[in-house]
Amino acid sequence: MNEIIANGNPVPVQLPCSLTEFLIAQKLPPRSVVVEHNGEAVSPSEFSGRSLQAGDRLEIVRIVAGG
């Protein structure tokens, strides 16, 4: 089992894995988050084509609507 760093915490991950697959495994609907992968902002349309590698760093922020 490999791991990536998500929001500063090591998270075990089965590789190969796309960003979409990782988010779903973490119970995060892909359309409800903003993601930075290794310092680069990722458009939601790119999530399924973005492959994760051991040691990658993700910053994940949930989108919250309200007023």
PDB file of N, CA and C in Angstrom:
ATOM      1  N   MET A   1       0.858  -1.182   0.000  1.00  0.00           N
ATOM      2  CA  MET A   1       0.000   0.000   0.000  1.00  0.00           C
ATOM      3  C   MET A   1       0.899   1.239   0.000  1.00  0.00           C
ATOM      4  N   ASN A   2       0.577   2.170  -0.845  1.00  0.00           N
ATOM      5  CA  ASN A   2       1.310   3.425  -0.951  1.00  0.00           C
ATOM      6  C   ASN A   2       0.564   4.502  -0.175  1.00  0.00           C
ATOM      7  N   GLU A   3       1.168   5.664  -0.075  1.00  0.00           N
ATOM      8  CA  GLU A   3       0.458   6.759   0.573  1.00  0.00           C
ATOM      9  C   GLU A   3       0.750   8.078  -0.120  1.00  0.00           C
ATOM     10  N   ILE A   4      -0.224   8.976   0.016  1.00  0.00           N
ATOM     11  CA  ILE A   4      -0.078  10.350  -0.435  1.00  0.00           C
ATOM     12  C   ILE A   4      -0.321  11.237   0.782  1.00  0.00           C
ATOM     13  N   ILE A   5      -0.015  12.499   0.651  1.00  0.00           N
ATOM     14  CA  ILE A   5      -0.242  13.452   1.734  1.00  0.00           C
ATOM     15  C   ILE A   5      -1.450  14.303   1.336  1.00  0.00           C
ATOM     16  N   ALA A   6      -2.517  14.215   2.119  1.00  0.00           N
ATOM     17  CA  ALA A   6      -3.729  14.990   1.857  1.00  0.00           C
ATOM     18  C   ALA A   6      -3.972  15.921   3.028  1.00  0.00           C
ATOM     19  N   ASN A   7      -3.953  17.217   2.762  1.00  0.00           N
ATOM     20  CA  ASN A   7      -4.121  18.245   3.797  1.00  0.00           C
ATOM     21  C   ASN A   7      -3.154  18.027   4.962  1.00  0.00           C
ATOM     22  N   GLY A   8      -1.920  17.645   4.624  1.00  0.00           N
ATOM     23  CA  GLY A   8      -0.870  17.487   5.617  1.00  0.00           C
ATOM     24  C   GLY A   8      -0.833  16.149   6.318  1.00  0.00           C
ATOM     25  N   ASN A   9      -1.753  15.241   5.992  1.00  0.00           N
ATOM     26  CA  ASN A   9      -1.820  13.934   6.661  1.00  0.00           C
ATOM     27  C   ASN A   9      -1.560  12.804   5.671  1.00  0.00           C
ATOM     28  N   PRO A  10      -0.761  11.798   6.081  1.00  0.00           N
ATOM     29  CA  PRO A  10      -0.547  10.653   5.190  1.00  0.00           C
ATOM     30  C   PRO A  10      -1.838   9.841   5.067  1.00  0.00           C
ATOM     31  N   VAL A  11      -2.164   9.460   3.837  1.00  0.00           N
ATOM     32  CA  VAL A  11      -3.371   8.682   3.568  1.00  0.00           C
ATOM     33  C   VAL A  11      -2.972   7.486   2.707  1.00  0.00           C
ATOM     34  N   PRO A  12      -3.267   6.254   3.169  1.00  0.00           N
ATOM     35  CA  PRO A  12      -2.955   5.089   2.340  1.00  0.00           C
ATOM     36  C   PRO A  12      -3.806   5.104   1.072  1.00  0.00           C
ATOM     37  N   VAL A  13      -3.211   4.683  -0.036  1.00  0.00           N
ATOM     38  CA  VAL A  13      -3.922   4.683  -1.314  1.00  0.00           C
ATOM     39  C   VAL A  13      -3.451   3.502  -2.153  1.00  0.00           C
ATOM     40  N   GLN A  14      -4.393   2.887  -2.843  1.00  0.00           N
ATOM     41  CA  GLN A  14      -4.078   1.798  -3.766  1.00  0.00           C
ATOM     42  C   GLN A  14      -3.769   2.413  -5.124  1.00  0.00           C
ATOM     43  N   LEU A  15      -2.552   2.251  -5.599  1.00  0.00           N
ATOM     44  CA  LEU A  15      -2.155   2.809  -6.888  1.00  0.00           C
ATOM     45  C   LEU A  15      -2.139   1.715  -7.943  1.00  0.00           C
ATOM     46  N   PRO A  16      -2.419   2.010  -9.214  1.00  0.00           N
ATOM     47  CA  PRO A  16      -2.708   3.323  -9.770  1.00  0.00           C
ATOM     48  C   PRO A  16      -4.092   3.814  -9.357  1.00  0.00           C
ATOM     49  N   CYS A  17      -4.217   5.145  -9.301  1.00  0.00           N
ATOM     50  CA  CYS A  17      -5.444   5.760  -8.826  1.00  0.00           C
ATOM     51  C   CYS A  17      -5.564   7.151  -9.432  1.00  0.00           C
ATOM     52  N   SER A  18      -6.766   7.472  -9.922  1.00  0.00           N
ATOM     53  CA  SER A  18      -7.000   8.825 -10.436  1.00  0.00           C
ATOM     54  C   SER A  18      -7.435   9.705  -9.270  1.00  0.00           C
ATOM     55  N   LEU A  19      -7.400  10.980  -9.464  1.00  0.00           N
ATOM     56  CA  LEU A  19      -7.856  11.912  -8.437  1.00  0.00           C
ATOM     57  C   LEU A  19      -9.331  11.672  -8.123  1.00  0.00           C
ATOM     58  N   THR A  20     -10.146  11.414  -9.146  1.00  0.00           N
ATOM     59  CA  THR A  20     -11.563  11.113  -8.922  1.00  0.00           C
ATOM     60  C   THR A  20     -11.725   9.885  -8.042  1.00  0.00           C
ATOM     61  N   GLU A  21     -10.996   8.816  -8.345  1.00  0.00           N
ATOM     62  CA  GLU A  21     -11.084   7.576  -7.551  1.00  0.00           C
ATOM     63  C   GLU A  21     -10.677   7.825  -6.104  1.00  0.00           C
ATOM     64  N   PHE A  22      -9.621   8.622  -5.902  1.00  0.00           N
ATOM     65  CA  PHE A  22      -9.187   8.934  -4.546  1.00  0.00           C
ATOM     66  C   PHE A  22     -10.265   9.691  -3.780  1.00  0.00           C
ATOM     67  N   LEU A  23     -10.842  10.708  -4.411  1.00  0.00           N
ATOM     68  CA  LEU A  23     -11.869  11.511  -3.736  1.00  0.00           C
ATOM     69  C   LEU A  23     -13.072  10.651  -3.359  1.00  0.00           C
ATOM     70  N   ILE A  24     -13.525   9.798  -4.264  1.00  0.00           N
ATOM     71  CA  ILE A  24     -14.662   8.923  -3.969  1.00  0.00           C
ATOM     72  C   ILE A  24     -14.327   7.979  -2.828  1.00  0.00           C
ATOM     73  N   ALA A  25     -13.110   7.433  -2.804  1.00  0.00           N
ATOM     74  CA  ALA A  25     -12.690   6.543  -1.713  1.00  0.00           C
ATOM     75  C   ALA A  25     -12.682   7.273  -0.370  1.00  0.00           C
ATOM     76  N   GLN A  26     -12.451   8.591  -0.400  1.00  0.00           N
ATOM     77  CA  GLN A  26     -12.448   9.386   0.834  1.00  0.00           C
ATOM     78  C   GLN A  26     -13.843   9.934   1.150  1.00  0.00           C
ATOM     79  N   LYS A  27     -14.849   9.484   0.388  1.00  0.00           N
ATOM     80  CA  LYS A  27     -16.238   9.923   0.568  1.00  0.00           C
ATOM     81  C   LYS A  27     -16.399  11.431   0.336  1.00  0.00           C
ATOM     82  N   LEU A  28     -15.654  11.928  -0.650  1.00  0.00           N
ATOM     83  CA  LEU A  28     -15.732  13.330  -1.047  1.00  0.00           C
ATOM     84  C   LEU A  28     -16.232  13.399  -2.481  1.00  0.00           C
ATOM     85  N   PRO A  29     -17.493  13.800  -2.693  1.00  0.00           N
ATOM     86  CA  PRO A  29     -17.973  13.925  -4.068  1.00  0.00           C
ATOM     87  C   PRO A  29     -17.075  14.896  -4.851  1.00  0.00           C
ATOM     88  N   PRO A  30     -16.547  14.467  -6.000  1.00  0.00           N
ATOM     89  CA  PRO A  30     -15.619  15.303  -6.753  1.00  0.00           C
ATOM     90  C   PRO A  30     -16.128  16.700  -7.072  1.00  0.00           C
ATOM     91  N   ARG A  31     -17.416  16.887  -7.253  1.00  0.00           N
ATOM     92  CA  ARG A  31     -17.948  18.208  -7.589  1.00  0.00           C
ATOM     93  C   ARG A  31     -18.144  19.094  -6.360  1.00  0.00           C
ATOM     94  N   SER A  32     -17.797  18.573  -5.169  1.00  0.00           N
ATOM     95  CA  SER A  32     -17.992  19.361  -3.944  1.00  0.00           C
ATOM     96  C   SER A  32     -16.677  19.867  -3.351  1.00  0.00           C
ATOM     97  N   VAL A  33     -15.569  19.713  -4.112  1.00  0.00           N
ATOM     98  CA  VAL A  33     -14.264  20.101  -3.575  1.00  0.00           C
ATOM     99  C   VAL A  33     -13.443  20.901  -4.593  1.00  0.00           C
ATOM    100  N   VAL A  34     -12.479  21.627  -4.062  1.00  0.00           N
ATOM    101  CA  VAL A  34     -11.448  22.285  -4.854  1.00  0.00           C
ATOM    102  C   VAL A  34     -10.143  21.589  -4.467  1.00  0.00           C
ATOM    103  N   VAL A  35      -9.321  21.252  -5.473  1.00  0.00           N
ATOM    104  CA  VAL A  35      -8.121  20.454  -5.206  1.00  0.00           C
ATOM    105  C   VAL A  35      -6.881  21.120  -5.797  1.00  0.00           C
ATOM    106  N   GLU A  36      -5.818  21.084  -4.993  1.00  0.00           N
ATOM    107  CA  GLU A  36      -4.489  21.475  -5.445  1.00  0.00           C
ATOM    108  C   GLU A  36      -3.630  20.212  -5.372  1.00  0.00           C
ATOM    109  N   HIS A  37      -2.996  19.871  -6.502  1.00  0.00           N
ATOM    110  CA  HIS A  37      -2.176  18.651  -6.597  1.00  0.00           C
ATOM    111  C   HIS A  37      -0.725  19.064  -6.806  1.00  0.00           C
ATOM    112  N   ASN A  38       0.109  18.770  -5.812  1.00  0.00           N
ATOM    113  CA  ASN A  38       1.530  19.148  -5.872  1.00  0.00           C
ATOM    114  C   ASN A  38       1.707  20.626  -6.209  1.00  0.00           C
ATOM    115  N   GLY A  39       0.881  21.470  -5.572  1.00  0.00           N
ATOM    116  CA  GLY A  39       1.014  22.909  -5.721  1.00  0.00           C
ATOM    117  C   GLY A  39       0.300  23.502  -6.924  1.00  0.00           C
ATOM    118  N   GLU A  40      -0.383  22.683  -7.711  1.00  0.00           N
ATOM    119  CA  GLU A  40      -1.070  23.153  -8.919  1.00  0.00           C
ATOM    120  C   GLU A  40      -2.570  22.948  -8.775  1.00  0.00           C
ATOM    121  N   ALA A  41      -3.342  24.020  -8.969  1.00  0.00           N
ATOM    122  CA  ALA A  41      -4.802  23.915  -8.924  1.00  0.00           C
ATOM    123  C   ALA A  41      -5.264  23.011 -10.056  1.00  0.00           C
ATOM    124  N   VAL A  42      -6.235  22.134  -9.739  1.00  0.00           N
ATOM    125  CA  VAL A  42      -6.742  21.187 -10.730  1.00  0.00           C
ATOM    126  C   VAL A  42      -8.212  21.475 -10.999  1.00  0.00           C
ATOM    127  N   SER A  43      -8.558  21.644 -12.260  1.00  0.00           N
ATOM    128  CA  SER A  43      -9.943  21.849 -12.662  1.00  0.00           C
ATOM    129  C   SER A  43     -10.715  20.547 -12.474  1.00  0.00           C
ATOM    130  N   PRO A  44     -11.962  20.611 -12.008  1.00  0.00           N
ATOM    131  CA  PRO A  44     -12.750  19.377 -11.848  1.00  0.00           C
ATOM    132  C   PRO A  44     -12.823  18.542 -13.122  1.00  0.00           C
ATOM    133  N   SER A  45     -12.776  19.165 -14.272  1.00  0.00           N
ATOM    134  CA  SER A  45     -12.824  18.410 -15.530  1.00  0.00           C
ATOM    135  C   SER A  45     -11.558  17.567 -15.743  1.00  0.00           C
ATOM    136  N   GLU A  46     -10.495  17.851 -14.984  1.00  0.00           N
ATOM    137  CA  GLU A  46      -9.234  17.116 -15.103  1.00  0.00           C
ATOM    138  C   GLU A  46      -9.084  16.011 -14.058  1.00  0.00           C
ATOM    139  N   PHE A  47      -9.997  15.923 -13.087  1.00  0.00           N
ATOM    140  CA  PHE A  47      -9.853  14.966 -11.982  1.00  0.00           C
ATOM    141  C   PHE A  47      -9.677  13.526 -12.466  1.00  0.00           C
ATOM    142  N   SER A  48     -10.500  13.088 -13.426  1.00  0.00           N
ATOM    143  CA  SER A  48     -10.452  11.685 -13.845  1.00  0.00           C
ATOM    144  C   SER A  48      -9.176  11.362 -14.621  1.00  0.00           C
ATOM    145  N   GLY A  49      -8.567  12.346 -15.248  1.00  0.00           N
ATOM    146  CA  GLY A  49      -7.337  12.119 -16.007  1.00  0.00           C
ATOM    147  C   GLY A  49      -6.068  12.358 -15.216  1.00  0.00           C
ATOM    148  N   ARG A  50      -6.202  12.810 -13.984  1.00  0.00           N
ATOM    149  CA  ARG A  50      -5.038  13.121 -13.146  1.00  0.00           C
ATOM    150  C   ARG A  50      -4.665  11.894 -12.322  1.00  0.00           C
ATOM    151  N   SER A  51      -3.515  11.284 -12.616  1.00  0.00           N
ATOM    152  CA  SER A  51      -3.057  10.101 -11.888  1.00  0.00           C
ATOM    153  C   SER A  51      -2.238  10.502 -10.672  1.00  0.00           C
ATOM    154  N   LEU A  52      -2.474   9.814  -9.576  1.00  0.00           N
ATOM    155  CA  LEU A  52      -1.719  10.068  -8.353  1.00  0.00           C
ATOM    156  C   LEU A  52      -0.527   9.128  -8.274  1.00  0.00           C
ATOM    157  N   GLN A  53       0.547   9.610  -7.677  1.00  0.00           N
ATOM    158  CA  GLN A  53       1.766   8.835  -7.454  1.00  0.00           C
ATOM    159  C   GLN A  53       2.075   8.833  -5.967  1.00  0.00           C
ATOM    160  N   ALA A  54       2.770   7.817  -5.495  1.00  0.00           N
ATOM    161  CA  ALA A  54       3.169   7.759  -4.092  1.00  0.00           C
ATOM    162  C   ALA A  54       3.921   9.033  -3.730  1.00  0.00           C
ATOM    163  N   GLY A  55       3.566   9.619  -2.593  1.00  0.00           N
ATOM    164  CA  GLY A  55       4.240  10.823  -2.115  1.00  0.00           C
ATOM    165  C   GLY A  55       3.643  12.132  -2.611  1.00  0.00           C
ATOM    166  N   ASP A  56       2.665  12.056  -3.515  1.00  0.00           N
ATOM    167  CA  ASP A  56       2.010  13.284  -3.994  1.00  0.00           C
ATOM    168  C   ASP A  56       1.376  14.023  -2.830  1.00  0.00           C
ATOM    169  N   ARG A  57       1.237  15.340  -3.001  1.00  0.00           N
ATOM    170  CA  ARG A  57       0.596  16.184  -1.986  1.00  0.00           C
ATOM    171  C   ARG A  57      -0.682  16.783  -2.549  1.00  0.00           C
ATOM    172  N   LEU A  58      -1.757  16.637  -1.798  1.00  0.00           N
ATOM    173  CA  LEU A  58      -3.043  17.209  -2.165  1.00  0.00           C
ATOM    174  C   LEU A  58      -3.495  18.166  -1.079  1.00  0.00           C
ATOM    175  N   GLU A  59      -4.055  19.271  -1.491  1.00  0.00           N
ATOM    176  CA  GLU A  59      -4.784  20.158  -0.587  1.00  0.00           C
ATOM    177  C   GLU A  59      -6.218  20.127  -1.094  1.00  0.00           C
ATOM    178  N   ILE A  60      -7.134  19.724  -0.216  1.00  0.00           N
ATOM    179  CA  ILE A  60      -8.534  19.547  -0.598  1.00  0.00           C
ATOM    180  C   ILE A  60      -9.395  20.439   0.283  1.00  0.00           C
ATOM    181  N   VAL A  61     -10.213  21.263  -0.361  1.00  0.00           N
ATOM    182  CA  VAL A  61     -11.107  22.162   0.364  1.00  0.00           C
ATOM    183  C   VAL A  61     -12.523  21.867  -0.090  1.00  0.00           C
ATOM    184  N   ARG A  62     -13.423  21.647   0.872  1.00  0.00           N
ATOM    185  CA  ARG A  62     -14.828  21.414   0.545  1.00  0.00           C
ATOM    186  C   ARG A  62     -15.493  22.737   0.201  1.00  0.00           C
ATOM    187  N   ILE A  63     -16.354  22.692  -0.804  1.00  0.00           N
ATOM    188  CA  ILE A  63     -17.143  23.859  -1.186  1.00  0.00           C
ATOM    189  C   ILE A  63     -18.415  23.835  -0.351  1.00  0.00           C
ATOM    190  N   VAL A  64     -18.683  24.935   0.341  1.00  0.00           N
ATOM    191  CA  VAL A  64     -19.874  25.025   1.187  1.00  0.00           C
ATOM    192  C   VAL A  64     -20.706  26.196   0.702  1.00  0.00           C
ATOM    193  N   ALA A  65     -21.977  25.937   0.433  1.00  0.00           N
ATOM    194  CA  ALA A  65     -22.881  26.988   0.009  1.00  0.00           C
ATOM    195  C   ALA A  65     -23.716  27.440   1.195  1.00  0.00           C
ATOM    196  N   GLY A  66     -24.135  28.640   1.176  1.00  0.00           N
ATOM    197  CA  GLY A  66     -24.976  29.134   2.265  1.00  0.00           C
ATOM    198  C   GLY A  66     -24.847  30.640   2.380  1.00  0.00           C
ATOM    199  N   GLY A  67     -25.565  31.149   3.340  1.00  0.00           N
ATOM    200  CA  GLY A  67     -25.504  32.589   3.472  1.00  0.00           C
ATOM    201  C   GLY A  67     -25.611  33.051   4.881  1.00  0.00           C
TER     202      GLY A  67
END
